[in-house]
Each structure stands twice: as C-alpha cells, then as structure tokens.
Amino acid sequence: MTLEIFGSKVWEGYKSTSINFTAQDMSSSESIKSWLRSNIQSSYHASCTLPMGSVTDSGGKLVGIQNLRVVDASIMPSMVSGNLNASVVMMAEKISDEMAGGEEKG
C-alpha cells in the first residue's frame, strides 16, 4: 500500500531519485523485509530494544542469567523526548547505587 501511495502523482515532487521501488521485487513480505534491511538506517541512538519488564528488571538484571546487568539506553521502557545522555547517566547512577547497596540520592 505504501508503494502505491508513493507511486501516485501527488508525491512526484517529493520522492528521492536515489530510491527506486519499482526496480525491486516487492511481491512478498520477505522481499520487502530484505529491501528494508539493506536500505534503511537510523541517525538516532538506539533505545528501548530490551525494555525493563520484558527481559530485564528495574535494576537492569537480565532475566534468566545470573550476575549480568544491562545498563544503557536499551532498557528504557519508552523513548525520551530529548537527548539520551542525561537519562542514561541518571539510570546508570541509580542502578550502580543499587548494586553497591547504597540508598537513593535525594
């Protein structure tokens, strides 16, 4: 459906000439996935790929594996609207305090 929409005359002035959908086999889900894997990319920092509650707990402990924690943007439960740096630092400080047996800071 997306290919049909972008193939309409309305989009002619907005399409990039570097992407040629018509030259690709887009007849199956697998061919579309293959095209996506080889052509798309993100300019953003990845986050929320291992959200707390799914494969880690709130302390970053990986479910099913002892003595392993994940402490980076991947365990965020939802995307932040700003830069990830401050959020990751704050999260890492909280988890490291928990690991050290310390109390939460004020």
C-alpha atoms as a PDB file:
ATOM      1  CA  MET A   1       0.000   0.000   0.000  1.00  0.00           C
ATOM      2  CA  THR A   2       2.870   2.367   0.818  1.00  0.00           C
ATOM      3  CA  LEU A   3       4.389   1.733  -2.601  1.00  0.00           C
ATOM      4  CA  GLU A   4       1.055   2.566  -4.238  1.00  0.00           C
ATOM      5  CA  ILE A   5       0.755   5.817  -2.264  1.00  0.00           C
ATOM      6  CA  PHE A   6       4.311   6.933  -3.031  1.00  0.00           C
ATOM      7  CA  GLY A   7       3.838   5.887  -6.647  1.00  0.00           C
ATOM      8  CA  SER A   8       0.966   8.335  -7.115  1.00  0.00           C
ATOM      9  CA  LYS A   9       1.410  11.642  -8.947  1.00  0.00           C
ATOM     10  CA  VAL A  10       0.888  13.617  -5.708  1.00  0.00           C
ATOM     11  CA  TRP A  11       4.331  12.538  -4.450  1.00  0.00           C
ATOM     12  CA  GLU A  12       6.288  13.102  -7.683  1.00  0.00           C
ATOM     13  CA  GLY A  13       7.959  16.313  -6.480  1.00  0.00           C
ATOM     14  CA  TYR A  14       8.918  14.853  -3.081  1.00  0.00           C
ATOM     15  CA  LYS A  15      10.413  11.462  -3.863  1.00  0.00           C
ATOM     16  CA  SER A  16      14.131  10.886  -3.802  1.00  0.00           C
ATOM     17  CA  THR A  17      15.537   9.785  -7.117  1.00  0.00           C
ATOM     18  CA  SER A  18      18.029   7.568  -5.271  1.00  0.00           C
ATOM     19  CA  ILE A  19      15.320   5.119  -4.210  1.00  0.00           C
ATOM     20  CA  ASN A  20      13.733   3.127  -6.981  1.00  0.00           C
ATOM     21  CA  PHE A  21      10.997   0.927  -5.569  1.00  0.00           C
ATOM     22  CA  THR A  22       9.832  -0.256  -8.964  1.00  0.00           C
ATOM     23  CA  ALA A  23      13.158  -1.990  -9.671  1.00  0.00           C
ATOM     24  CA  GLN A  24      12.720  -4.135  -6.559  1.00  0.00           C
ATOM     25  CA  ASP A  25      10.674  -7.274  -6.107  1.00  0.00           C
ATOM     26  CA  MET A  26       8.070  -6.146  -3.580  1.00  0.00           C
ATOM     27  CA  SER A  27       5.665  -9.031  -4.087  1.00  0.00           C
ATOM     28  CA  SER A  28       6.249 -10.812  -0.775  1.00  0.00           C
ATOM     29  CA  SER A  29       6.818  -9.936   2.851  1.00  0.00           C
ATOM     30  CA  GLU A  30      10.281 -11.497   2.699  1.00  0.00           C
ATOM     31  CA  SER A  31      11.371  -9.398  -0.298  1.00  0.00           C
ATOM     32  CA  ILE A  32      10.090  -6.234   1.406  1.00  0.00           C
ATOM     33  CA  LYS A  33      11.953  -7.131   4.619  1.00  0.00           C
ATOM     34  CA  SER A  34      15.095  -7.783   2.604  1.00  0.00           C
ATOM     35  CA  TRP A  35      14.824  -4.383   0.906  1.00  0.00           C
ATOM     36  CA  LEU A  36      14.255  -2.662   4.262  1.00  0.00           C
ATOM     37  CA  ARG A  37      17.261  -4.386   5.868  1.00  0.00           C
ATOM     38  CA  SER A  38      19.566  -3.228   3.089  1.00  0.00           C
ATOM     39  CA  ASN A  39      18.205   0.293   2.603  1.00  0.00           C
ATOM     40  CA  ILE A  40      17.037   1.871   5.845  1.00  0.00           C
ATOM     41  CA  GLN A  41      19.054   3.259   8.713  1.00  0.00           C
ATOM     42  CA  SER A  42      18.613   5.421  11.754  1.00  0.00           C
ATOM     43  CA  SER A  43      20.523   8.535  12.629  1.00  0.00           C
ATOM     44  CA  TYR A  44      19.308   8.285  16.204  1.00  0.00           C
ATOM     45  CA  HIS A  45      20.733   6.435  19.170  1.00  0.00           C
ATOM     46  CA  ALA A  46      19.013   3.110  19.645  1.00  0.00           C
ATOM     47  CA  SER A  47      16.912   2.768  22.770  1.00  0.00           C
ATOM     48  CA  CYS A  48      14.095   0.657  24.187  1.00  0.00           C
ATOM     49  CA  THR A  49      15.256  -2.549  22.499  1.00  0.00           C
ATOM     50  CA  LEU A  50      15.312  -4.519  25.806  1.00  0.00           C
ATOM     51  CA  PRO A  51      12.692  -2.624  27.824  1.00  0.00           C
ATOM     52  CA  MET A  52      12.526  -3.093  31.570  1.00  0.00           C
ATOM     53  CA  GLY A  53       9.913  -5.666  32.412  1.00  0.00           C
ATOM     54  CA  SER A  54      10.441  -7.724  29.281  1.00  0.00           C
ATOM     55  CA  VAL A  55      13.987  -9.099  29.563  1.00  0.00           C
ATOM     56  CA  THR A  56      15.374  -7.032  32.441  1.00  0.00           C
ATOM     57  CA  ASP A  57      14.043  -5.945  35.798  1.00  0.00           C
ATOM     58  CA  SER A  58      14.098  -2.348  37.055  1.00  0.00           C
ATOM     59  CA  GLY A  59      17.667  -2.869  38.259  1.00  0.00           C
ATOM     60  CA  GLY A  60      18.930  -3.916  34.834  1.00  0.00           C
ATOM     61  CA  LYS A  61      19.261  -7.596  35.805  1.00  0.00           C
ATOM     62  CA  LEU A  62      18.867  -9.782  32.745  1.00  0.00           C
ATOM     63  CA  VAL A  63      16.086 -12.314  33.294  1.00  0.00           C
ATOM     64  CA  GLY A  64      17.318 -15.909  33.372  1.00  0.00           C
ATOM     65  CA  ILE A  65      21.027 -15.065  33.638  1.00  0.00           C
ATOM     66  CA  GLN A  66      22.755 -14.570  36.981  1.00  0.00           C
ATOM     67  CA  ASN A  67      25.211 -11.741  37.601  1.00  0.00           C
ATOM     68  CA  LEU A  68      24.569  -9.924  34.353  1.00  0.00           C
ATOM     69  CA  ARG A  69      23.065  -6.459  34.068  1.00  0.00           C
ATOM     70  CA  VAL A  70      22.316  -4.255  31.124  1.00  0.00           C
ATOM     71  CA  VAL A  71      22.735  -0.566  31.924  1.00  0.00           C
ATOM     72  CA  ASP A  72      22.262   1.513  28.798  1.00  0.00           C
ATOM     73  CA  ALA A  73      19.500   3.108  26.742  1.00  0.00           C
ATOM     74  CA  SER A  74      18.298  -0.287  25.511  1.00  0.00           C
ATOM     75  CA  ILE A  75      16.490  -0.991  28.816  1.00  0.00           C
ATOM     76  CA  MET A  76      14.473   2.221  28.808  1.00  0.00           C
ATOM     77  CA  PRO A  77      10.779   1.328  28.844  1.00  0.00           C
ATOM     78  CA  SER A  78       9.868   4.192  26.498  1.00  0.00           C
ATOM     79  CA  MET A  79      11.593   6.775  24.310  1.00  0.00           C
ATOM     80  CA  VAL A  80      12.628  10.072  25.869  1.00  0.00           C
ATOM     81  CA  SER A  81      11.880  13.286  24.021  1.00  0.00           C
ATOM     82  CA  GLY A  82      15.363  14.727  24.437  1.00  0.00           C
ATOM     83  CA  ASN A  83      18.940  13.535  24.212  1.00  0.00           C
ATOM     84  CA  LEU A  84      19.554  10.146  25.820  1.00  0.00           C
ATOM     85  CA  ASN A  85      22.758  11.130  27.633  1.00  0.00           C
ATOM     86  CA  ALA A  86      21.258  12.590  30.825  1.00  0.00           C
ATOM     87  CA  SER A  87      18.680   9.808  31.083  1.00  0.00           C
ATOM     88  CA  VAL A  88      21.296   7.078  30.688  1.00  0.00           C
ATOM     89  CA  VAL A  89      23.650   8.697  33.216  1.00  0.00           C
ATOM     90  CA  MET A  90      20.820   9.046  35.748  1.00  0.00           C
ATOM     91  CA  MET A  91      19.724   5.442  35.188  1.00  0.00           C
ATOM     92  CA  ALA A  92      23.309   4.157  35.483  1.00  0.00           C
ATOM     93  CA  GLU A  93      23.842   6.084  38.732  1.00  0.00           C
ATOM     94  CA  LYS A  94      20.643   4.679  40.235  1.00  0.00           C
ATOM     95  CA  ILE A  95      21.465   1.096  39.220  1.00  0.00           C
ATOM     96  CA  SER A  96      25.094   1.382  40.376  1.00  0.00           C
ATOM     97  CA  ASP A  97      23.872   2.706  43.758  1.00  0.00           C
ATOM     98  CA  GLU A  98      21.564  -0.298  43.999  1.00  0.00           C
ATOM     99  CA  MET A  99      24.440  -2.644  43.100  1.00  0.00           C
ATOM    100  CA  ALA A 100      26.622  -1.070  45.796  1.00  0.00           C
ATOM    101  CA  GLY A 101      23.837  -1.463  48.336  1.00  0.00           C
ATOM    102  CA  GLY A 102      23.508   2.289  48.734  1.00  0.00           C
ATOM    103  CA  GLU A 103      20.390   4.342  49.182  1.00  0.00           C
ATOM    104  CA  GLU A 104      18.790   6.556  46.602  1.00  0.00           C
ATOM    105  CA  LYS A 105      20.194  10.058  46.429  1.00  0.00           C
ATOM    106  CA  GLY A 106      17.964  12.910  47.355  1.00  0.00           C
END
